[in-house]
Amino acid sequence: SAKNAILIVEVALELHVRDGKPLLESAVNAAR
């Protein structure tokens, strides 16, 4: 279950921190 969560969190962190996208948009895009 941690593996599934890591897949989403890793991308969301990259989008939010590295690319500077808004937090909610980063989370939704990572899940997609």
PDB file of all heavy atoms in Angstrom:
ATOM      1  N   SER A   1       0.831  -1.202   0.000  1.00  0.00           N
ATOM      2  CA  SER A   1       0.000   0.000   0.000  1.00  0.00           C
ATOM      3  C   SER A   1       0.867   1.253   0.000  1.00  0.00           C
ATOM      4  O   SER A   1       0.500   2.270  -0.588  1.00  0.00           O
ATOM      5  CB  SER A   1      -0.956   0.005   1.188  1.00  0.00           C
ATOM      6  OG  SER A   1      -0.241  -0.020   2.399  1.00  0.00           O
ATOM      7  N   ALA A   2       2.036   1.185   0.640  1.00  0.00           N
ATOM      8  CA  ALA A   2       2.961   2.322   0.592  1.00  0.00           C
ATOM      9  C   ALA A   2       3.448   2.543  -0.835  1.00  0.00           C
ATOM     10  O   ALA A   2       3.611   3.685  -1.273  1.00  0.00           O
ATOM     11  CB  ALA A   2       4.138   2.095   1.534  1.00  0.00           C
ATOM     12  N   LYS A   3       3.639   1.464  -1.583  1.00  0.00           N
ATOM     13  CA  LYS A   3       4.078   1.586  -2.977  1.00  0.00           C
ATOM     14  C   LYS A   3       3.063   2.362  -3.802  1.00  0.00           C
ATOM     15  O   LYS A   3       3.419   3.259  -4.569  1.00  0.00           O
ATOM     16  CB  LYS A   3       4.288   0.185  -3.569  1.00  0.00           C
ATOM     17  CG  LYS A   3       4.788   0.148  -4.989  1.00  0.00           C
ATOM     18  CD  LYS A   3       3.814  -0.229  -6.055  1.00  0.00           C
ATOM     19  CE  LYS A   3       2.782  -1.246  -5.770  1.00  0.00           C
ATOM     20  NZ  LYS A   3       1.705  -1.241  -6.772  1.00  0.00           N
ATOM     21  N   ASN A   4       1.794   2.056  -3.635  1.00  0.00           N
ATOM     22  CA  ASN A   4       0.748   2.794  -4.363  1.00  0.00           C
ATOM     23  C   ASN A   4       0.757   4.270  -3.994  1.00  0.00           C
ATOM     24  O   ASN A   4       0.624   5.136  -4.851  1.00  0.00           O
ATOM     25  CB  ASN A   4      -0.626   2.202  -4.079  1.00  0.00           C
ATOM     26  CG  ASN A   4      -0.866   0.904  -4.806  1.00  0.00           C
ATOM     27  OD1 ASN A   4      -0.128   0.541  -5.709  1.00  0.00           O
ATOM     28  ND2 ASN A   4      -1.892   0.198  -4.408  1.00  0.00           N
ATOM     29  N   ALA A   5       0.898   4.556  -2.716  1.00  0.00           N
ATOM     30  CA  ALA A   5       0.896   5.951  -2.267  1.00  0.00           C
ATOM     31  C   ALA A   5       2.143   6.686  -2.742  1.00  0.00           C
ATOM     32  O   ALA A   5       2.079   7.858  -3.119  1.00  0.00           O
ATOM     33  CB  ALA A   5       0.783   6.007  -0.752  1.00  0.00           C
ATOM     34  N   ILE A   6       3.289   5.995  -2.740  1.00  0.00           N
ATOM     35  CA  ILE A   6       4.537   6.621  -3.182  1.00  0.00           C
ATOM     36  C   ILE A   6       4.428   7.059  -4.636  1.00  0.00           C
ATOM     37  O   ILE A   6       4.925   8.123  -5.015  1.00  0.00           O
ATOM     38  CB  ILE A   6       5.726   5.663  -2.972  1.00  0.00           C
ATOM     39  CG1 ILE A   6       6.039   5.532  -1.492  1.00  0.00           C
ATOM     40  CG2 ILE A   6       6.960   6.137  -3.729  1.00  0.00           C
ATOM     41  CD1 ILE A   6       7.000   4.410  -1.159  1.00  0.00           C
ATOM     42  N   LEU A   7       3.781   6.232  -5.463  1.00  0.00           N
ATOM     43  CA  LEU A   7       3.643   6.584  -6.877  1.00  0.00           C
ATOM     44  C   LEU A   7       2.930   7.929  -7.051  1.00  0.00           C
ATOM     45  O   LEU A   7       3.290   8.726  -7.920  1.00  0.00           O
ATOM     46  CB  LEU A   7       2.874   5.488  -7.619  1.00  0.00           C
ATOM     47  CG  LEU A   7       3.620   4.180  -7.854  1.00  0.00           C
ATOM     48  CD1 LEU A   7       2.686   3.128  -8.420  1.00  0.00           C
ATOM     49  CD2 LEU A   7       4.801   4.393  -8.775  1.00  0.00           C
ATOM     50  N   ILE A   8       1.936   8.182  -6.229  1.00  0.00           N
ATOM     51  CA  ILE A   8       1.183   9.438  -6.335  1.00  0.00           C
ATOM     52  C   ILE A   8       1.943  10.594  -5.692  1.00  0.00           C
ATOM     53  O   ILE A   8       2.084  11.672  -6.276  1.00  0.00           O
ATOM     54  CB  ILE A   8      -0.212   9.289  -5.696  1.00  0.00           C
ATOM     55  CG1 ILE A   8      -1.038   8.266  -6.474  1.00  0.00           C
ATOM     56  CG2 ILE A   8      -0.943  10.625  -5.647  1.00  0.00           C
ATOM     57  CD1 ILE A   8      -2.343   7.887  -5.821  1.00  0.00           C
ATOM     58  N   VAL A   9       2.453  10.386  -4.489  1.00  0.00           N
ATOM     59  CA  VAL A   9       3.103  11.463  -3.737  1.00  0.00           C
ATOM     60  C   VAL A   9       4.360  11.950  -4.449  1.00  0.00           C
ATOM     61  O   VAL A   9       4.642  13.154  -4.478  1.00  0.00           O
ATOM     62  CB  VAL A   9       3.412  11.015  -2.293  1.00  0.00           C
ATOM     63  CG1 VAL A   9       4.296  12.006  -1.573  1.00  0.00           C
ATOM     64  CG2 VAL A   9       2.112  10.809  -1.529  1.00  0.00           C
ATOM     65  N   GLU A  10       5.115  11.032  -5.034  1.00  0.00           N
ATOM     66  CA  GLU A  10       6.348  11.415  -5.729  1.00  0.00           C
ATOM     67  C   GLU A  10       6.057  12.403  -6.862  1.00  0.00           C
ATOM     68  O   GLU A  10       6.706  13.431  -6.989  1.00  0.00           O
ATOM     69  CB  GLU A  10       7.035  10.160  -6.275  1.00  0.00           C
ATOM     70  CG  GLU A  10       8.357  10.417  -6.926  1.00  0.00           C
ATOM     71  CD  GLU A  10       9.445  10.741  -5.925  1.00  0.00           C
ATOM     72  OE1 GLU A  10       9.388  10.266  -4.789  1.00  0.00           O
ATOM     73  OE2 GLU A  10      10.354  11.500  -6.305  1.00  0.00           O
ATOM     74  N   VAL A  11       5.074  12.082  -7.679  1.00  0.00           N
ATOM     75  CA  VAL A  11       4.728  12.963  -8.801  1.00  0.00           C
ATOM     76  C   VAL A  11       4.134  14.272  -8.295  1.00  0.00           C
ATOM     77  O   VAL A  11       4.456  15.351  -8.804  1.00  0.00           O
ATOM     78  CB  VAL A  11       3.757  12.252  -9.772  1.00  0.00           C
ATOM     79  CG1 VAL A  11       3.249  13.205 -10.839  1.00  0.00           C
ATOM     80  CG2 VAL A  11       4.439  11.062 -10.413  1.00  0.00           C
ATOM     81  N   ALA A  12       3.293  14.203  -7.278  1.00  0.00           N
ATOM     82  CA  ALA A  12       2.684  15.426  -6.729  1.00  0.00           C
ATOM     83  C   ALA A  12       3.745  16.359  -6.156  1.00  0.00           C
ATOM     84  O   ALA A  12       3.675  17.575  -6.352  1.00  0.00           O
ATOM     85  CB  ALA A  12       1.659  15.063  -5.660  1.00  0.00           C
ATOM     86  N   LEU A  13       4.731  15.806  -5.470  1.00  0.00           N
ATOM     87  CA  LEU A  13       5.815  16.638  -4.940  1.00  0.00           C
ATOM     88  C   LEU A  13       6.616  17.292  -6.057  1.00  0.00           C
ATOM     89  O   LEU A  13       6.974  18.469  -5.965  1.00  0.00           O
ATOM     90  CB  LEU A  13       6.748  15.805  -4.057  1.00  0.00           C
ATOM     91  CG  LEU A  13       6.360  15.669  -2.606  1.00  0.00           C
ATOM     92  CD1 LEU A  13       7.284  14.699  -1.894  1.00  0.00           C
ATOM     93  CD2 LEU A  13       6.366  17.009  -1.910  1.00  0.00           C
ATOM     94  N   GLU A  14       6.905  16.525  -7.107  1.00  0.00           N
ATOM     95  CA  GLU A  14       7.646  17.096  -8.240  1.00  0.00           C
ATOM     96  C   GLU A  14       6.871  18.239  -8.880  1.00  0.00           C
ATOM     97  O   GLU A  14       7.439  19.278  -9.197  1.00  0.00           O
ATOM     98  CB  GLU A  14       7.941  16.024  -9.284  1.00  0.00           C
ATOM     99  CG  GLU A  14       9.055  15.088  -8.904  1.00  0.00           C
ATOM    100  CD  GLU A  14       9.334  14.063  -9.992  1.00  0.00           C
ATOM    101  OE1 GLU A  14       8.897  14.273 -11.147  1.00  0.00           O
ATOM    102  OE2 GLU A  14       9.983  13.061  -9.675  1.00  0.00           O
ATOM    103  N   LEU A  15       5.584  18.031  -9.082  1.00  0.00           N
ATOM    104  CA  LEU A  15       4.774  19.070  -9.721  1.00  0.00           C
ATOM    105  C   LEU A  15       4.672  20.311  -8.837  1.00  0.00           C
ATOM    106  O   LEU A  15       4.745  21.437  -9.328  1.00  0.00           O
ATOM    107  CB  LEU A  15       3.371  18.536 -10.041  1.00  0.00           C
ATOM    108  CG  LEU A  15       3.281  17.470 -11.124  1.00  0.00           C
ATOM    109  CD1 LEU A  15       1.869  16.913 -11.212  1.00  0.00           C
ATOM    110  CD2 LEU A  15       3.717  18.029 -12.465  1.00  0.00           C
ATOM    111  N   HIS A  16       4.492  20.106  -7.545  1.00  0.00           N
ATOM    112  CA  HIS A  16       4.295  21.240  -6.639  1.00  0.00           C
ATOM    113  C   HIS A  16       5.609  21.965  -6.331  1.00  0.00           C
ATOM    114  O   HIS A  16       5.684  23.182  -6.421  1.00  0.00           O
ATOM    115  CB  HIS A  16       3.635  20.769  -5.346  1.00  0.00           C
ATOM    116  CG  HIS A  16       3.418  21.858  -4.356  1.00  0.00           C
ATOM    117  ND1 HIS A  16       2.605  22.937  -4.610  1.00  0.00           N
ATOM    118  CD2 HIS A  16       3.921  22.058  -3.117  1.00  0.00           C
ATOM    119  CE1 HIS A  16       2.601  23.746  -3.554  1.00  0.00           C
ATOM    120  NE2 HIS A  16       3.403  23.231  -2.640  1.00  0.00           N
ATOM    121  N   VAL A  17       6.635  21.204  -5.970  1.00  0.00           N
ATOM    122  CA  VAL A  17       7.880  21.824  -5.518  1.00  0.00           C
ATOM    123  C   VAL A  17       8.756  22.236  -6.692  1.00  0.00           C
ATOM    124  O   VAL A  17       9.201  23.375  -6.778  1.00  0.00           O
ATOM    125  CB  VAL A  17       8.644  20.868  -4.568  1.00  0.00           C
ATOM    126  CG1 VAL A  17       9.999  21.434  -4.204  1.00  0.00           C
ATOM    127  CG2 VAL A  17       7.822  20.612  -3.330  1.00  0.00           C
ATOM    128  N   ARG A  18       9.017  21.305  -7.597  1.00  0.00           N
ATOM    129  CA  ARG A  18       9.942  21.598  -8.693  1.00  0.00           C
ATOM    130  C   ARG A  18       9.325  22.502  -9.755  1.00  0.00           C
ATOM    131  O   ARG A  18       9.925  23.467 -10.204  1.00  0.00           O
ATOM    132  CB  ARG A  18      10.418  20.296  -9.334  1.00  0.00           C
ATOM    133  CG  ARG A  18      11.560  20.512 -10.329  1.00  0.00           C
ATOM    134  CD  ARG A  18      11.881  19.269 -11.092  1.00  0.00           C
ATOM    135  NE  ARG A  18      10.724  18.977 -11.952  1.00  0.00           N
ATOM    136  CZ  ARG A  18      10.499  17.819 -12.515  1.00  0.00           C
ATOM    137  NH1 ARG A  18      11.298  16.822 -12.295  1.00  0.00           N
ATOM    138  NH2 ARG A  18       9.450  17.635 -13.294  1.00  0.00           N
ATOM    139  N   ASP A  19       8.079  22.179 -10.156  1.00  0.00           N
ATOM    140  CA  ASP A  19       7.449  22.936 -11.233  1.00  0.00           C
ATOM    141  C   ASP A  19       6.643  24.132 -10.735  1.00  0.00           C
ATOM    142  O   ASP A  19       6.174  24.934 -11.537  1.00  0.00           O
ATOM    143  CB  ASP A  19       6.550  22.013 -12.068  1.00  0.00           C
ATOM    144  CG  ASP A  19       7.339  20.900 -12.741  1.00  0.00           C
ATOM    145  OD1 ASP A  19       8.581  21.013 -12.839  1.00  0.00           O
ATOM    146  OD2 ASP A  19       6.719  19.911 -13.171  1.00  0.00           O
ATOM    147  N   GLY A  20       6.416  24.215  -9.435  1.00  0.00           N
ATOM    148  CA  GLY A  20       5.717  25.367  -8.857  1.00  0.00           C
ATOM    149  C   GLY A  20       4.227  25.416  -9.134  1.00  0.00           C
ATOM    150  O   GLY A  20       3.622  26.488  -9.053  1.00  0.00           O
ATOM    151  N   LYS A  21       3.624  24.276  -9.437  1.00  0.00           N
ATOM    152  CA  LYS A  21       2.174  24.256  -9.691  1.00  0.00           C
ATOM    153  C   LYS A  21       1.420  24.340  -8.373  1.00  0.00           C
ATOM    154  O   LYS A  21       1.931  23.975  -7.324  1.00  0.00           O
ATOM    155  CB  LYS A  21       1.789  22.992 -10.453  1.00  0.00           C
ATOM    156  CG  LYS A  21       2.367  22.958 -11.851  1.00  0.00           C
ATOM    157  CD  LYS A  21       1.750  21.878 -12.670  1.00  0.00           C
ATOM    158  CE  LYS A  21       2.316  21.983 -14.089  1.00  0.00           C
ATOM    159  NZ  LYS A  21       1.781  20.995 -14.970  1.00  0.00           N
ATOM    160  N   PRO A  22       0.171  24.823  -8.420  1.00  0.00           N
ATOM    161  CA  PRO A  22      -0.631  24.881  -7.188  1.00  0.00           C
ATOM    162  C   PRO A  22      -0.794  23.498  -6.573  1.00  0.00           C
ATOM    163  O   PRO A  22      -0.777  22.474  -7.260  1.00  0.00           O
ATOM    164  CB  PRO A  22      -1.976  25.436  -7.663  1.00  0.00           C
ATOM    165  CG  PRO A  22      -1.694  26.106  -8.958  1.00  0.00           C
ATOM    166  CD  PRO A  22      -0.539  25.391  -9.568  1.00  0.00           C
ATOM    167  N   LEU A  23      -0.968  23.480  -5.273  1.00  0.00           N
ATOM    168  CA  LEU A  23      -1.004  22.238  -4.512  1.00  0.00           C
ATOM    169  C   LEU A  23      -2.117  21.299  -4.964  1.00  0.00           C
ATOM    170  O   LEU A  23      -1.888  20.119  -5.236  1.00  0.00           O
ATOM    171  CB  LEU A  23      -1.144  22.575  -3.027  1.00  0.00           C
ATOM    172  CG  LEU A  23      -1.014  21.442  -2.045  1.00  0.00           C
ATOM    173  CD1 LEU A  23       0.323  20.742  -2.211  1.00  0.00           C
ATOM    174  CD2 LEU A  23      -1.152  21.966  -0.632  1.00  0.00           C
ATOM    175  N   LEU A  24      -3.329  21.804  -5.054  1.00  0.00           N
ATOM    176  CA  LEU A  24      -4.462  20.964  -5.433  1.00  0.00           C
ATOM    177  C   LEU A  24      -4.308  20.438  -6.862  1.00  0.00           C
ATOM    178  O   LEU A  24      -4.568  19.254  -7.130  1.00  0.00           O
ATOM    179  CB  LEU A  24      -5.765  21.753  -5.284  1.00  0.00           C
ATOM    180  CG  LEU A  24      -7.059  20.970  -5.325  1.00  0.00           C
ATOM    181  CD1 LEU A  24      -7.061  19.868  -4.283  1.00  0.00           C
ATOM    182  CD2 LEU A  24      -8.240  21.877  -5.106  1.00  0.00           C
ATOM    183  N   GLU A  25      -3.867  21.284  -7.761  1.00  0.00           N
ATOM    184  CA  GLU A  25      -3.656  20.866  -9.145  1.00  0.00           C
ATOM    185  C   GLU A  25      -2.578  19.785  -9.225  1.00  0.00           C
ATOM    186  O   GLU A  25      -2.702  18.816  -9.981  1.00  0.00           O
ATOM    187  CB  GLU A  25      -3.248  22.075  -9.990  1.00  0.00           C
ATOM    188  CG  GLU A  25      -2.983  21.755 -11.440  1.00  0.00           C
ATOM    189  CD  GLU A  25      -2.496  22.971 -12.213  1.00  0.00           C
ATOM    190  OE1 GLU A  25      -2.768  24.119 -11.786  1.00  0.00           O
ATOM    191  OE2 GLU A  25      -1.838  22.766 -13.247  1.00  0.00           O
ATOM    192  N   SER A  26      -1.535  19.931  -8.424  1.00  0.00           N
ATOM    193  CA  SER A  26      -0.459  18.931  -8.400  1.00  0.00           C
ATOM    194  C   SER A  26      -0.985  17.579  -7.939  1.00  0.00           C
ATOM    195  O   SER A  26      -0.644  16.539  -8.521  1.00  0.00           O
ATOM    196  CB  SER A  26       0.665  19.376  -7.459  1.00  0.00           C
ATOM    197  OG  SER A  26       1.228  20.572  -7.889  1.00  0.00           O
ATOM    198  N   ALA A  27      -1.799  17.577  -6.905  1.00  0.00           N
ATOM    199  CA  ALA A  27      -2.332  16.321  -6.372  1.00  0.00           C
ATOM    200  C   ALA A  27      -3.260  15.638  -7.382  1.00  0.00           C
ATOM    201  O   ALA A  27      -3.170  14.423  -7.592  1.00  0.00           O
ATOM    202  CB  ALA A  27      -3.070  16.582  -5.065  1.00  0.00           C
ATOM    203  N   VAL A  28      -4.128  16.397  -8.015  1.00  0.00           N
ATOM    204  CA  VAL A  28      -5.069  15.822  -8.987  1.00  0.00           C
ATOM    205  C   VAL A  28      -4.317  15.302 -10.212  1.00  0.00           C
ATOM    206  O   VAL A  28      -4.582  14.194 -10.696  1.00  0.00           O
ATOM    207  CB  VAL A  28      -6.135  16.866  -9.394  1.00  0.00           C
ATOM    208  CG1 VAL A  28      -6.969  16.370 -10.564  1.00  0.00           C
ATOM    209  CG2 VAL A  28      -7.025  17.193  -8.207  1.00  0.00           C
ATOM    210  N   ASN A  29      -3.354  16.075 -10.702  1.00  0.00           N
ATOM    211  CA  ASN A  29      -2.575  15.639 -11.865  1.00  0.00           C
ATOM    212  C   ASN A  29      -1.741  14.400 -11.552  1.00  0.00           C
ATOM    213  O   ASN A  29      -1.570  13.530 -12.405  1.00  0.00           O
ATOM    214  CB  ASN A  29      -1.688  16.766 -12.374  1.00  0.00           C
ATOM    215  CG  ASN A  29      -2.480  17.847 -13.074  1.00  0.00           C
ATOM    216  OD1 ASN A  29      -3.624  17.632 -13.486  1.00  0.00           O
ATOM    217  ND2 ASN A  29      -1.903  19.028 -13.194  1.00  0.00           N
ATOM    218  N   ALA A  30      -1.219  14.324 -10.333  1.00  0.00           N
ATOM    219  CA  ALA A  30      -0.438  13.144  -9.940  1.00  0.00           C
ATOM    220  C   ALA A  30      -1.320  11.907  -9.884  1.00  0.00           C
ATOM    221  O   ALA A  30      -0.922  10.831 -10.328  1.00  0.00           O
ATOM    222  CB  ALA A  30       0.225  13.392  -8.593  1.00  0.00           C
ATOM    223  N   ALA A  31      -2.526  12.043  -9.341  1.00  0.00           N
ATOM    224  CA  ALA A  31      -3.439  10.901  -9.283  1.00  0.00           C
ATOM    225  C   ALA A  31      -3.830  10.447 -10.689  1.00  0.00           C
ATOM    226  O   ALA A  31      -3.899   9.243 -10.960  1.00  0.00           O
ATOM    227  CB  ALA A  31      -4.682  11.263  -8.475  1.00  0.00           C
ATOM    228  N   ARG A  32      -4.046  11.396 -11.577  1.00  0.00           N
ATOM    229  CA  ARG A  32      -4.378  11.038 -12.972  1.00  0.00           C
ATOM    230  C   ARG A  32      -3.196  10.372 -13.661  1.00  0.00           C
ATOM    231  O   ARG A  32      -3.353   9.378 -14.365  1.00  0.00           O
ATOM    232  CB  ARG A  32      -4.782  12.286 -13.748  1.00  0.00           C
ATOM    233  CG  ARG A  32      -6.162  12.749 -13.475  1.00  0.00           C
ATOM    234  CD  ARG A  32      -6.545  13.891 -14.404  1.00  0.00           C
ATOM    235  NE  ARG A  32      -7.837  14.415 -14.024  1.00  0.00           N
ATOM    236  CZ  ARG A  32      -8.162  15.691 -14.060  1.00  0.00           C
ATOM    237  NH1 ARG A  32      -7.285  16.593 -14.457  1.00  0.00           N
ATOM    238  NH2 ARG A  32      -9.357  16.081 -13.706  1.00  0.00           N
TER     239      ARG A  32
END
